[in-house]
Amino acid sequence: MSDIVHWILAAKIKSGAYAEFDALIEEMVAATQSDEPGALIYEYFVSEDKGLCHIYERYENNAAVMTHLGNFGAKFADRFLAVLEPVSLTVYGDASQEVRDALAGFGAVHMIGSHGFSR
């Protein structure tokens, strides 16, 4: 279908950590937008009670995913996990074994494209 790899990560925002979460995510979005041209979509959605977050990320290919994961690990992972508790990660597209291995710690479920189109 395409080289695009994307996912939705659902995570609980830890009690009392919304202000830290909000500041961190603002920093992460700015860094990803400026440093990662292969990040096509990088969006956060928060429940009305500010207890749950869904993150939608879309990358042009596996190399772009690995660039993002390298930056995430080096700059943000510890602070991210201090304010968020991952619940589920669903990955869409033809993720390489390297990407699969890198996402395994989040309990990733991989979905391979079957039918459809993107415009």
PDB file of N, CA and C in Angstrom:
ATOM      1  N   MET A   1       0.821  -1.179   0.000  1.00  0.00           N
ATOM      2  CA  MET A   1       0.000   0.000   0.000  1.00  0.00           C
ATOM      3  C   MET A   1       0.873   1.254   0.000  1.00  0.00           C
ATOM      4  N   SER A   2       1.695   1.444   1.053  1.00  0.00           N
ATOM      5  CA  SER A   2       2.614   2.588   1.099  1.00  0.00           C
ATOM      6  C   SER A   2       3.680   2.308   2.142  1.00  0.00           C
ATOM      7  N   ASP A   3       4.660   3.187   2.212  1.00  0.00           N
ATOM      8  CA  ASP A   3       5.714   3.055   3.219  1.00  0.00           C
ATOM      9  C   ASP A   3       5.337   3.706   4.542  1.00  0.00           C
ATOM     10  N   ILE A   4       4.192   4.357   4.592  1.00  0.00           N
ATOM     11  CA  ILE A   4       3.783   5.099   5.786  1.00  0.00           C
ATOM     12  C   ILE A   4       3.534   4.148   6.948  1.00  0.00           C
ATOM     13  N   VAL A   5       4.033   4.532   8.119  1.00  0.00           N
ATOM     14  CA  VAL A   5       3.791   3.819   9.371  1.00  0.00           C
ATOM     15  C   VAL A   5       3.150   4.823  10.318  1.00  0.00           C
ATOM     16  N   HIS A   6       2.062   4.412  10.946  1.00  0.00           N
ATOM     17  CA  HIS A   6       1.396   5.319  11.881  1.00  0.00           C
ATOM     18  C   HIS A   6       0.829   4.528  13.038  1.00  0.00           C
ATOM     19  N   TRP A   7       0.477   5.255  14.102  1.00  0.00           N
ATOM     20  CA  TRP A   7      -0.049   4.575  15.279  1.00  0.00           C
ATOM     21  C   TRP A   7      -0.894   5.500  16.119  1.00  0.00           C
ATOM     22  N   ILE A   8      -1.646   4.845  17.008  1.00  0.00           N
ATOM     23  CA  ILE A   8      -2.372   5.545  18.061  1.00  0.00           C
ATOM     24  C   ILE A   8      -1.901   4.940  19.375  1.00  0.00           C
ATOM     25  N   LEU A   9      -1.393   5.808  20.233  1.00  0.00           N
ATOM     26  CA  LEU A   9      -0.994   5.425  21.582  1.00  0.00           C
ATOM     27  C   LEU A   9      -2.018   6.006  22.534  1.00  0.00           C
ATOM     28  N   ALA A  10      -2.626   5.170  23.345  1.00  0.00           N
ATOM     29  CA  ALA A  10      -3.527   5.620  24.411  1.00  0.00           C
ATOM     30  C   ALA A  10      -2.754   5.559  25.719  1.00  0.00           C
ATOM     31  N   ALA A  11      -2.870   6.616  26.518  1.00  0.00           N
ATOM     32  CA  ALA A  11      -2.152   6.668  27.783  1.00  0.00           C
ATOM     33  C   ALA A  11      -2.964   7.420  28.822  1.00  0.00           C
ATOM     34  N   LYS A  12      -2.861   6.978  30.067  1.00  0.00           N
ATOM     35  CA  LYS A  12      -3.483   7.688  31.178  1.00  0.00           C
ATOM     36  C   LYS A  12      -2.550   8.807  31.620  1.00  0.00           C
ATOM     37  N   ILE A  13      -3.123   9.974  31.862  1.00  0.00           N
ATOM     38  CA  ILE A  13      -2.356  11.079  32.436  1.00  0.00           C
ATOM     39  C   ILE A  13      -2.381  10.870  33.941  1.00  0.00           C
ATOM     40  N   LYS A  14      -1.223  10.775  34.540  1.00  0.00           N
ATOM     41  CA  LYS A  14      -1.141  10.465  35.957  1.00  0.00           C
ATOM     42  C   LYS A  14      -1.792  11.571  36.795  1.00  0.00           C
ATOM     43  N   SER A  15      -2.411  11.162  37.885  1.00  0.00           N
ATOM     44  CA  SER A  15      -3.129  12.077  38.763  1.00  0.00           C
ATOM     45  C   SER A  15      -2.222  13.221  39.219  1.00  0.00           C
ATOM     46  N   GLY A  16      -2.717  14.426  39.065  1.00  0.00           N
ATOM     47  CA  GLY A  16      -1.968  15.603  39.488  1.00  0.00           C
ATOM     48  C   GLY A  16      -0.854  16.018  38.568  1.00  0.00           C
ATOM     49  N   ALA A  17      -0.720  15.354  37.400  1.00  0.00           N
ATOM     50  CA  ALA A  17       0.416  15.617  36.519  1.00  0.00           C
ATOM     51  C   ALA A  17       0.031  16.367  35.244  1.00  0.00           C
ATOM     52  N   TYR A  18      -1.202  16.902  35.175  1.00  0.00           N
ATOM     53  CA  TYR A  18      -1.624  17.510  33.916  1.00  0.00           C
ATOM     54  C   TYR A  18      -0.767  18.714  33.523  1.00  0.00           C
ATOM     55  N   ALA A  19      -0.417  19.564  34.450  1.00  0.00           N
ATOM     56  CA  ALA A  19       0.391  20.756  34.113  1.00  0.00           C
ATOM     57  C   ALA A  19       1.747  20.343  33.559  1.00  0.00           C
ATOM     58  N   GLU A  20       2.383  19.346  34.162  1.00  0.00           N
ATOM     59  CA  GLU A  20       3.673  18.854  33.667  1.00  0.00           C
ATOM     60  C   GLU A  20       3.505  18.201  32.300  1.00  0.00           C
ATOM     61  N   PHE A  21       2.428  17.427  32.152  1.00  0.00           N
ATOM     62  CA  PHE A  21       2.112  16.803  30.867  1.00  0.00           C
ATOM     63  C   PHE A  21       1.968  17.865  29.782  1.00  0.00           C
ATOM     64  N   ASP A  22       1.183  18.883  30.049  1.00  0.00           N
ATOM     65  CA  ASP A  22       0.912  19.920  29.063  1.00  0.00           C
ATOM     66  C   ASP A  22       2.196  20.631  28.628  1.00  0.00           C
ATOM     67  N   ALA A  23       3.047  20.978  29.580  1.00  0.00           N
ATOM     68  CA  ALA A  23       4.312  21.649  29.250  1.00  0.00           C
ATOM     69  C   ALA A  23       5.231  20.726  28.445  1.00  0.00           C
ATOM     70  N   LEU A  24       5.315  19.469  28.845  1.00  0.00           N
ATOM     71  CA  LEU A  24       6.163  18.511  28.141  1.00  0.00           C
ATOM     72  C   LEU A  24       5.686  18.300  26.710  1.00  0.00           C
ATOM     73  N   ILE A  25       4.401  18.130  26.524  1.00  0.00           N
ATOM     74  CA  ILE A  25       3.869  17.860  25.194  1.00  0.00           C
ATOM     75  C   ILE A  25       4.088  19.064  24.286  1.00  0.00           C
ATOM     76  N   GLU A  26       3.932  20.249  24.809  1.00  0.00           N
ATOM     77  CA  GLU A  26       4.220  21.445  24.007  1.00  0.00           C
ATOM     78  C   GLU A  26       5.661  21.427  23.510  1.00  0.00           C
ATOM     79  N   GLU A  27       6.582  21.056  24.382  1.00  0.00           N
ATOM     80  CA  GLU A  27       8.002  20.956  24.013  1.00  0.00           C
ATOM     81  C   GLU A  27       8.228  19.850  22.985  1.00  0.00           C
ATOM     82  N   MET A  28       7.586  18.698  23.184  1.00  0.00           N
ATOM     83  CA  MET A  28       7.762  17.568  22.275  1.00  0.00           C
ATOM     84  C   MET A  28       7.212  17.876  20.887  1.00  0.00           C
ATOM     85  N   VAL A  29       6.064  18.517  20.824  1.00  0.00           N
ATOM     86  CA  VAL A  29       5.475  18.859  19.527  1.00  0.00           C
ATOM     87  C   VAL A  29       6.389  19.823  18.779  1.00  0.00           C
ATOM     88  N   ALA A  30       6.884  20.842  19.456  1.00  0.00           N
ATOM     89  CA  ALA A  30       7.771  21.818  18.808  1.00  0.00           C
ATOM     90  C   ALA A  30       9.042  21.149  18.300  1.00  0.00           C
ATOM     91  N   ALA A  31       9.633  20.270  19.110  1.00  0.00           N
ATOM     92  CA  ALA A  31      10.873  19.594  18.710  1.00  0.00           C
ATOM     93  C   ALA A  31      10.632  18.658  17.522  1.00  0.00           C
ATOM     94  N   THR A  32       9.545  17.915  17.563  1.00  0.00           N
ATOM     95  CA  THR A  32       9.248  16.985  16.478  1.00  0.00           C
ATOM     96  C   THR A  32       8.981  17.746  15.185  1.00  0.00           C
ATOM     97  N   GLN A  33       8.231  18.830  15.274  1.00  0.00           N
ATOM     98  CA  GLN A  33       7.930  19.611  14.079  1.00  0.00           C
ATOM     99  C   GLN A  33       9.188  20.224  13.472  1.00  0.00           C
ATOM    100  N   SER A  34      10.100  20.699  14.291  1.00  0.00           N
ATOM    101  CA  SER A  34      11.281  21.382  13.749  1.00  0.00           C
ATOM    102  C   SER A  34      12.406  20.427  13.350  1.00  0.00           C
ATOM    103  N   ASP A  35      12.518  19.282  14.021  1.00  0.00           N
ATOM    104  CA  ASP A  35      13.674  18.405  13.820  1.00  0.00           C
ATOM    105  C   ASP A  35      13.399  17.147  12.996  1.00  0.00           C
ATOM    106  N   GLU A  36      12.136  16.861  12.684  1.00  0.00           N
ATOM    107  CA  GLU A  36      11.802  15.581  12.053  1.00  0.00           C
ATOM    108  C   GLU A  36      10.896  15.777  10.837  1.00  0.00           C
ATOM    109  N   PRO A  37      11.474  16.051   9.682  1.00  0.00           N
ATOM    110  CA  PRO A  37      10.641  16.257   8.491  1.00  0.00           C
ATOM    111  C   PRO A  37       9.852  15.020   8.080  1.00  0.00           C
ATOM    112  N   GLY A  38      10.260  13.845   8.513  1.00  0.00           N
ATOM    113  CA  GLY A  38       9.538  12.615   8.181  1.00  0.00           C
ATOM    114  C   GLY A  38       8.328  12.365   9.060  1.00  0.00           C
ATOM    115  N   ALA A  39       8.112  13.217  10.072  1.00  0.00           N
ATOM    116  CA  ALA A  39       6.906  13.136  10.905  1.00  0.00           C
ATOM    117  C   ALA A  39       5.802  13.898  10.183  1.00  0.00           C
ATOM    118  N   LEU A  40       4.844  13.177   9.635  1.00  0.00           N
ATOM    119  CA  LEU A  40       3.794  13.786   8.827  1.00  0.00           C
ATOM    120  C   LEU A  40       2.646  14.321   9.669  1.00  0.00           C
ATOM    121  N   ILE A  41       2.290  13.598  10.703  1.00  0.00           N
ATOM    122  CA  ILE A  41       1.235  14.006  11.640  1.00  0.00           C
ATOM    123  C   ILE A  41       1.712  13.647  13.037  1.00  0.00           C
ATOM    124  N   TYR A  42       1.522  14.581  13.966  1.00  0.00           N
ATOM    125  CA  TYR A  42       1.932  14.358  15.359  1.00  0.00           C
ATOM    126  C   TYR A  42       0.938  15.136  16.214  1.00  0.00           C
ATOM    127  N   GLU A  43      -0.128  14.463  16.657  1.00  0.00           N
ATOM    128  CA  GLU A  43      -1.240  15.132  17.322  1.00  0.00           C
ATOM    129  C   GLU A  43      -1.614  14.449  18.631  1.00  0.00           C
ATOM    130  N   TYR A  44      -1.924  15.269  19.619  1.00  0.00           N
ATOM    131  CA  TYR A  44      -2.360  14.809  20.933  1.00  0.00           C
ATOM    132  C   TYR A  44      -3.819  15.183  21.136  1.00  0.00           C
ATOM    133  N   PHE A  45      -4.580  14.280  21.720  1.00  0.00           N
ATOM    134  CA  PHE A  45      -5.977  14.506  22.047  1.00  0.00           C
ATOM    135  C   PHE A  45      -6.171  14.122  23.511  1.00  0.00           C
ATOM    136  N   VAL A  46      -6.891  14.955  24.268  1.00  0.00           N
ATOM    137  CA  VAL A  46      -7.062  14.740  25.701  1.00  0.00           C
ATOM    138  C   VAL A  46      -8.552  14.660  26.022  1.00  0.00           C
ATOM    139  N   SER A  47      -8.918  13.716  26.887  1.00  0.00           N
ATOM    140  CA  SER A  47     -10.313  13.594  27.305  1.00  0.00           C
ATOM    141  C   SER A  47     -10.731  14.835  28.089  1.00  0.00           C
ATOM    142  N   GLU A  48     -12.038  15.068  28.143  1.00  0.00           N
ATOM    143  CA  GLU A  48     -12.549  16.258  28.819  1.00  0.00           C
ATOM    144  C   GLU A  48     -12.144  16.316  30.287  1.00  0.00           C
ATOM    145  N   ASP A  49     -12.000  15.162  30.941  1.00  0.00           N
ATOM    146  CA  ASP A  49     -11.602  15.160  32.350  1.00  0.00           C
ATOM    147  C   ASP A  49     -10.082  15.222  32.533  1.00  0.00           C
ATOM    148  N   LYS A  50      -9.346  15.327  31.423  1.00  0.00           N
ATOM    149  CA  LYS A  50      -7.883  15.418  31.414  1.00  0.00           C
ATOM    150  C   LYS A  50      -7.200  14.212  32.057  1.00  0.00           C
ATOM    151  N   GLY A  51      -7.858  13.067  31.923  1.00  0.00           N
ATOM    152  CA  GLY A  51      -7.299  11.846  32.494  1.00  0.00           C
ATOM    153  C   GLY A  51      -6.745  10.873  31.466  1.00  0.00           C
ATOM    154  N   LEU A  52      -7.113  11.065  30.202  1.00  0.00           N
ATOM    155  CA  LEU A  52      -6.694  10.142  29.154  1.00  0.00           C
ATOM    156  C   LEU A  52      -6.197  10.933  27.950  1.00  0.00           C
ATOM    157  N   CYS A  53      -5.163  10.409  27.318  1.00  0.00           N
ATOM    158  CA  CYS A  53      -4.571  11.044  26.150  1.00  0.00           C
ATOM    159  C   CYS A  53      -4.464  10.012  25.035  1.00  0.00           C
ATOM    160  N   HIS A  54      -4.828  10.418  23.820  1.00  0.00           N
ATOM    161  CA  HIS A  54      -4.566   9.622  22.621  1.00  0.00           C
ATOM    162  C   HIS A  54      -3.580  10.408  21.776  1.00  0.00           C
ATOM    163  N   ILE A  55      -2.566   9.721  21.287  1.00  0.00           N
ATOM    164  CA  ILE A  55      -1.538  10.354  20.468  1.00  0.00           C
ATOM    165  C   ILE A  55      -1.572   9.683  19.098  1.00  0.00           C
ATOM    166  N   TYR A  56      -1.764  10.507  18.061  1.00  0.00           N
ATOM    167  CA  TYR A  56      -1.764   9.995  16.698  1.00  0.00           C
ATOM    168  C   TYR A  56      -0.500  10.476  16.018  1.00  0.00           C
ATOM    169  N   GLU A  57       0.316   9.519  15.569  1.00  0.00           N
ATOM    170  CA  GLU A  57       1.578   9.826  14.897  1.00  0.00           C
ATOM    171  C   GLU A  57       1.613   9.109  13.554  1.00  0.00           C
ATOM    172  N   ARG A  58       2.093   9.834  12.525  1.00  0.00           N
ATOM    173  CA  ARG A  58       2.170   9.266  11.164  1.00  0.00           C
ATOM    174  C   ARG A  58       3.519   9.662  10.580  1.00  0.00           C
ATOM    175  N   TYR A  59       4.262   8.666  10.101  1.00  0.00           N
ATOM    176  CA  TYR A  59       5.622   8.867   9.591  1.00  0.00           C
ATOM    177  C   TYR A  59       5.723   8.391   8.157  1.00  0.00           C
ATOM    178  N   GLU A  60       6.571   9.063   7.368  1.00  0.00           N
ATOM    179  CA  GLU A  60       6.656   8.742   5.943  1.00  0.00           C
ATOM    180  C   GLU A  60       7.253   7.362   5.674  1.00  0.00           C
ATOM    181  N   ASN A  61       8.034   6.823   6.618  1.00  0.00           N
ATOM    182  CA  ASN A  61       8.622   5.491   6.428  1.00  0.00           C
ATOM    183  C   ASN A  61       9.259   5.014   7.738  1.00  0.00           C
ATOM    184  N   ASN A  62       9.803   3.818   7.703  1.00  0.00           N
ATOM    185  CA  ASN A  62      10.417   3.232   8.895  1.00  0.00           C
ATOM    186  C   ASN A  62      11.622   4.036   9.381  1.00  0.00           C
ATOM    187  N   ALA A  63      12.394   4.597   8.470  1.00  0.00           N
ATOM    188  CA  ALA A  63      13.550   5.411   8.870  1.00  0.00           C
ATOM    189  C   ALA A  63      13.099   6.629   9.664  1.00  0.00           C
ATOM    190  N   ALA A  64      12.002   7.250   9.252  1.00  0.00           N
ATOM    191  CA  ALA A  64      11.480   8.410   9.980  1.00  0.00           C
ATOM    192  C   ALA A  64      10.994   8.004  11.368  1.00  0.00           C
ATOM    193  N   VAL A  65      10.400   6.819  11.470  1.00  0.00           N
ATOM    194  CA  VAL A  65       9.992   6.309  12.792  1.00  0.00           C
ATOM    195  C   VAL A  65      11.211   6.165  13.690  1.00  0.00           C
ATOM    196  N   MET A  66      12.269   5.561  13.166  1.00  0.00           N
ATOM    197  CA  MET A  66      13.464   5.342  13.985  1.00  0.00           C
ATOM    198  C   MET A  66      14.121   6.661  14.385  1.00  0.00           C
ATOM    199  N   THR A  67      14.097   7.656  13.509  1.00  0.00           N
ATOM    200  CA  THR A  67      14.605   8.978  13.880  1.00  0.00           C
ATOM    201  C   THR A  67      13.798   9.523  15.053  1.00  0.00           C
ATOM    202  N   HIS A  68      12.477   9.427  14.956  1.00  0.00           N
ATOM    203  CA  HIS A  68      11.628   9.926  16.037  1.00  0.00           C
ATOM    204  C   HIS A  68      11.887   9.165  17.338  1.00  0.00           C
ATOM    205  N   LEU A  69      11.942   7.855  17.262  1.00  0.00           N
ATOM    206  CA  LEU A  69      12.136   7.063  18.480  1.00  0.00           C
ATOM    207  C   LEU A  69      13.494   7.345  19.116  1.00  0.00           C
ATOM    208  N   GLY A  70      14.523   7.594  18.291  1.00  0.00           N
ATOM    209  CA  GLY A  70      15.827   7.964  18.824  1.00  0.00           C
ATOM    210  C   GLY A  70      15.773   9.295  19.557  1.00  0.00           C
ATOM    211  N   ASN A  71      15.105  10.278  18.961  1.00  0.00           N
ATOM    212  CA  ASN A  71      14.956  11.580  19.611  1.00  0.00           C
ATOM    213  C   ASN A  71      14.124  11.468  20.878  1.00  0.00           C
ATOM    214  N   PHE A  72      13.043  10.708  20.805  1.00  0.00           N
ATOM    215  CA  PHE A  72      12.180  10.508  21.973  1.00  0.00           C
ATOM    216  C   PHE A  72      12.968   9.893  23.121  1.00  0.00           C
ATOM    217  N   GLY A  73      13.711   8.838  22.827  1.00  0.00           N
ATOM    218  CA  GLY A  73      14.487   8.166  23.869  1.00  0.00           C
ATOM    219  C   GLY A  73      15.535   9.065  24.490  1.00  0.00           C
ATOM    220  N   ALA A  74      16.208   9.839  23.668  1.00  0.00           N
ATOM    221  CA  ALA A  74      17.299  10.691  24.160  1.00  0.00           C
ATOM    222  C   ALA A  74      16.801  11.923  24.906  1.00  0.00           C
ATOM    223  N   LYS A  75      15.659  12.466  24.495  1.00  0.00           N
ATOM    224  CA  LYS A  75      15.226  13.758  25.025  1.00  0.00           C
ATOM    225  C   LYS A  75      14.018  13.719  25.953  1.00  0.00           C
ATOM    226  N   PHE A  76      13.120  12.746  25.758  1.00  0.00           N
ATOM    227  CA  PHE A  76      11.814  12.875  26.396  1.00  0.00           C
ATOM    228  C   PHE A  76      11.299  11.662  27.152  1.00  0.00           C
ATOM    229  N   ALA A  77      11.811  10.483  26.908  1.00  0.00           N
ATOM    230  CA  ALA A  77      11.188   9.251  27.420  1.00  0.00           C
ATOM    231  C   ALA A  77      10.996   9.262  28.935  1.00  0.00           C
ATOM    232  N   ASP A  78      12.009   9.646  29.681  1.00  0.00           N
ATOM    233  CA  ASP A  78      11.889   9.618  31.145  1.00  0.00           C
ATOM    234  C   ASP A  78      10.795  10.554  31.635  1.00  0.00           C
ATOM    235  N   ARG A  79      10.757  11.769  31.102  1.00  0.00           N
ATOM    236  CA  ARG A  79       9.737  12.739  31.520  1.00  0.00           C
ATOM    237  C   ARG A  79       8.343  12.318  31.042  1.00  0.00           C
ATOM    238  N   PHE A  80       8.270  11.738  29.839  1.00  0.00           N
ATOM    239  CA  PHE A  80       7.004  11.256  29.294  1.00  0.00           C
ATOM    240  C   PHE A  80       6.407  10.187  30.209  1.00  0.00           C
ATOM    241  N   LEU A  81       7.222   9.218  30.592  1.00  0.00           N
ATOM    242  CA  LEU A  81       6.737   8.120  31.434  1.00  0.00           C
ATOM    243  C   LEU A  81       6.495   8.555  32.883  1.00  0.00           C
ATOM    244  N   ALA A  82       7.016   9.698  33.279  1.00  0.00           N
ATOM    245  CA  ALA A  82       6.740  10.230  34.609  1.00  0.00           C
ATOM    246  C   ALA A  82       5.336  10.815  34.698  1.00  0.00           C
ATOM    247  N   VAL A  83       4.760  11.234  33.568  1.00  0.00           N
ATOM    248  CA  VAL A  83       3.439  11.862  33.582  1.00  0.00           C
ATOM    249  C   VAL A  83       2.371  11.047  32.864  1.00  0.00           C
ATOM    250  N   LEU A  84       2.774  10.050  32.083  1.00  0.00           N
ATOM    251  CA  LEU A  84       1.823   9.230  31.331  1.00  0.00           C
ATOM    252  C   LEU A  84       2.062   7.749  31.586  1.00  0.00           C
ATOM    253  N   GLU A  85       0.974   7.007  31.643  1.00  0.00           N
ATOM    254  CA  GLU A  85       1.032   5.552  31.761  1.00  0.00           C
ATOM    255  C   GLU A  85       0.430   4.954  30.487  1.00  0.00           C
ATOM    256  N   PRO A  86       1.265   4.416  29.594  1.00  0.00           N
ATOM    257  CA  PRO A  86       0.734   3.836  28.361  1.00  0.00           C
ATOM    258  C   PRO A  86      -0.267   2.722  28.637  1.00  0.00           C
ATOM    259  N   VAL A  87      -1.359   2.732  27.871  1.00  0.00           N
ATOM    260  CA  VAL A  87      -2.420   1.741  28.004  1.00  0.00           C
ATOM    261  C   VAL A  87      -2.415   0.798  26.806  1.00  0.00           C
ATOM    262  N   SER A  88      -2.327   1.365  25.598  1.00  0.00           N
ATOM    263  CA  SER A  88      -2.312   0.538  24.388  1.00  0.00           C
ATOM    264  C   SER A  88      -1.616   1.288  23.268  1.00  0.00           C
ATOM    265  N   LEU A  89      -1.042   0.524  22.364  1.00  0.00           N
ATOM    266  CA  LEU A  89      -0.400   1.071  21.172  1.00  0.00           C
ATOM    267  C   LEU A  89      -0.796   0.191  19.991  1.00  0.00           C
ATOM    268  N   THR A  90      -1.480   0.788  19.020  1.00  0.00           N
ATOM    269  CA  THR A  90      -1.857   0.091  17.801  1.00  0.00           C
ATOM    270  C   THR A  90      -1.096   0.734  16.650  1.00  0.00           C
ATOM    271  N   VAL A  91      -0.316  -0.084  15.951  1.00  0.00           N
ATOM    272  CA  VAL A  91       0.541   0.378  14.858  1.00  0.00           C
ATOM    273  C   VAL A  91      -0.060  -0.087  13.543  1.00  0.00           C
ATOM    274  N   TYR A  92      -0.117   0.834  12.576  1.00  0.00           N
ATOM    275  CA  TYR A  92      -0.687   0.558  11.257  1.00  0.00           C
ATOM    276  C   TYR A  92       0.401   0.701  10.204  1.00  0.00           C
ATOM    277  N   GLY A  93       0.420  -0.202   9.239  1.00  0.00           N
ATOM    278  CA  GLY A  93       1.387  -0.125   8.152  1.00  0.00           C
ATOM    279  C   GLY A  93       2.436  -1.212   8.267  1.00  0.00           C
ATOM    280  N   ASP A  94       3.361  -1.192   7.323  1.00  0.00           N
ATOM    281  CA  ASP A  94       4.389  -2.219   7.220  1.00  0.00           C
ATOM    282  C   ASP A  94       5.611  -1.836   8.055  1.00  0.00           C
ATOM    283  N   ALA A  95       5.499  -1.979   9.360  1.00  0.00           N
ATOM    284  CA  ALA A  95       6.604  -1.657  10.263  1.00  0.00           C
ATOM    285  C   ALA A  95       7.716  -2.691  10.104  1.00  0.00           C
ATOM    286  N   SER A  96       8.941  -2.194   9.988  1.00  0.00           N
ATOM    287  CA  SER A  96      10.099  -3.087   9.884  1.00  0.00           C
ATOM    288  C   SER A  96      10.314  -3.818  11.203  1.00  0.00           C
ATOM    289  N   GLN A  97      11.148  -4.834  11.170  1.00  0.00           N
ATOM    290  CA  GLN A  97      11.459  -5.553  12.403  1.00  0.00           C
ATOM    291  C   GLN A  97      12.132  -4.621  13.406  1.00  0.00           C
ATOM    292  N   GLU A  98      12.966  -3.711  12.922  1.00  0.00           N
ATOM    293  CA  GLU A  98      13.627  -2.743  13.800  1.00  0.00           C
ATOM    294  C   GLU A  98      12.596  -1.868  14.525  1.00  0.00           C
ATOM    295  N   VAL A  99      11.596  -1.405  13.810  1.00  0.00           N
ATOM    296  CA  VAL A  99      10.533  -0.606  14.420  1.00  0.00           C
ATOM    297  C   VAL A  99       9.728  -1.471  15.381  1.00  0.00           C
ATOM    298  N   ARG A 100       9.390  -2.677  14.977  1.00  0.00           N
ATOM    299  CA  ARG A 100       8.638  -3.574  15.859  1.00  0.00           C
ATOM    300  C   ARG A 100       9.387  -3.812  17.172  1.00  0.00           C
ATOM    301  N   ASP A 101      10.680  -4.051  17.063  1.00  0.00           N
ATOM    302  CA  ASP A 101      11.482  -4.277  18.262  1.00  0.00           C
ATOM    303  C   ASP A 101      11.505  -3.037  19.143  1.00  0.00           C
ATOM    304  N   ALA A 102      11.620  -1.861  18.514  1.00  0.00           N
ATOM    305  CA  ALA A 102      11.689  -0.613  19.268  1.00  0.00           C
ATOM    306  C   ALA A 102      10.379  -0.302  19.988  1.00  0.00           C
ATOM    307  N   LEU A 103       9.247  -0.731  19.430  1.00  0.00           N
ATOM    308  CA  LEU A 103       7.944  -0.455  20.028  1.00  0.00           C
ATOM    309  C   LEU A 103       7.430  -1.573  20.923  1.00  0.00           C
ATOM    310  N   ALA A 104       8.147  -2.670  20.988  1.00  0.00           N
ATOM    311  CA  ALA A 104       7.688  -3.841  21.743  1.00  0.00           C
ATOM    312  C   ALA A 104       7.449  -3.532  23.214  1.00  0.00           C
ATOM    313  N   GLY A 105       8.258  -2.657  23.799  1.00  0.00           N
ATOM    314  CA  GLY A 105       8.107  -2.313  25.212  1.00  0.00           C
ATOM    315  C   GLY A 105       6.787  -1.630  25.528  1.00  0.00           C
ATOM    316  N   PHE A 106       6.127  -1.085  24.529  1.00  0.00           N
ATOM    317  CA  PHE A 106       4.819  -0.456  24.717  1.00  0.00           C
ATOM    318  C   PHE A 106       3.677  -1.438  24.457  1.00  0.00           C
ATOM    319  N   GLY A 107       4.017  -2.715  24.217  1.00  0.00           N
ATOM    320  CA  GLY A 107       2.991  -3.727  23.971  1.00  0.00           C
ATOM    321  C   GLY A 107       2.280  -3.530  22.647  1.00  0.00           C
ATOM    322  N   ALA A 108       3.000  -3.101  21.631  1.00  0.00           N
ATOM    323  CA  ALA A 108       2.403  -2.756  20.339  1.00  0.00           C
ATOM    324  C   ALA A 108       1.669  -3.928  19.699  1.00  0.00           C
ATOM    325  N   VAL A 109       0.492  -3.614  19.164  1.00  0.00           N
ATOM    326  CA  VAL A 109      -0.273  -4.522  18.326  1.00  0.00           C
ATOM    327  C   VAL A 109      -0.134  -3.987  16.910  1.00  0.00           C
ATOM    328  N   HIS A 110       0.277  -4.829  15.970  1.00  0.00           N
ATOM    329  CA  HIS A 110       0.537  -4.387  14.595  1.00  0.00           C
ATOM    330  C   HIS A 110      -0.594  -4.810  13.670  1.00  0.00           C
ATOM    331  N   MET A 111      -1.060  -3.838  12.894  1.00  0.00           N
ATOM    332  CA  MET A 111      -2.125  -4.061  11.921  1.00  0.00           C
ATOM    333  C   MET A 111      -1.550  -3.781  10.529  1.00  0.00           C
ATOM    334  N   ILE A 112      -1.641  -4.760   9.649  1.00  0.00           N
ATOM    335  CA  ILE A 112      -1.121  -4.629   8.288  1.00  0.00           C
ATOM    336  C   ILE A 112      -2.266  -4.184   7.376  1.00  0.00           C
ATOM    337  N   GLY A 113      -1.968  -3.243   6.484  1.00  0.00           N
ATOM    338  CA  GLY A 113      -2.981  -2.744   5.557  1.00  0.00           C
ATOM    339  C   GLY A 113      -3.587  -3.851   4.722  1.00  0.00           C
ATOM    340  N   SER A 114      -4.876  -3.730   4.474  1.00  0.00           N
ATOM    341  CA  SER A 114      -5.576  -4.720   3.687  1.00  0.00           C
ATOM    342  C   SER A 114      -6.199  -4.095   2.440  1.00  0.00           C
ATOM    343  N   HIS A 115      -7.077  -3.116   2.620  1.00  0.00           N
ATOM    344  CA  HIS A 115      -7.758  -2.454   1.512  1.00  0.00           C
ATOM    345  C   HIS A 115      -7.960  -0.984   1.853  1.00  0.00           C
ATOM    346  N   GLY A 116      -8.066  -0.152   0.849  1.00  0.00           N
ATOM    347  CA  GLY A 116      -8.404   1.235   1.077  1.00  0.00           C
ATOM    348  C   GLY A 116      -7.500   2.182   0.307  1.00  0.00           C
ATOM    349  N   PHE A 117      -7.620   3.457   0.614  1.00  0.00           N
ATOM    350  CA  PHE A 117      -6.793   4.468  -0.054  1.00  0.00           C
ATOM    351  C   PHE A 117      -6.651   5.681   0.850  1.00  0.00           C
ATOM    352  N   SER A 118      -5.668   6.493   0.539  1.00  0.00           N
ATOM    353  CA  SER A 118      -5.458   7.787   1.182  1.00  0.00           C
ATOM    354  C   SER A 118      -5.407   8.824   0.080  1.00  0.00           C
ATOM    355  N   ARG A 119      -5.871  10.004   0.355  1.00  0.00           N
ATOM    356  CA  ARG A 119      -5.781  11.109  -0.612  1.00  0.00           C
ATOM    357  C   ARG A 119      -4.759  12.087  -0.130  1.00  0.00           C
TER     358      ARG A 119
END
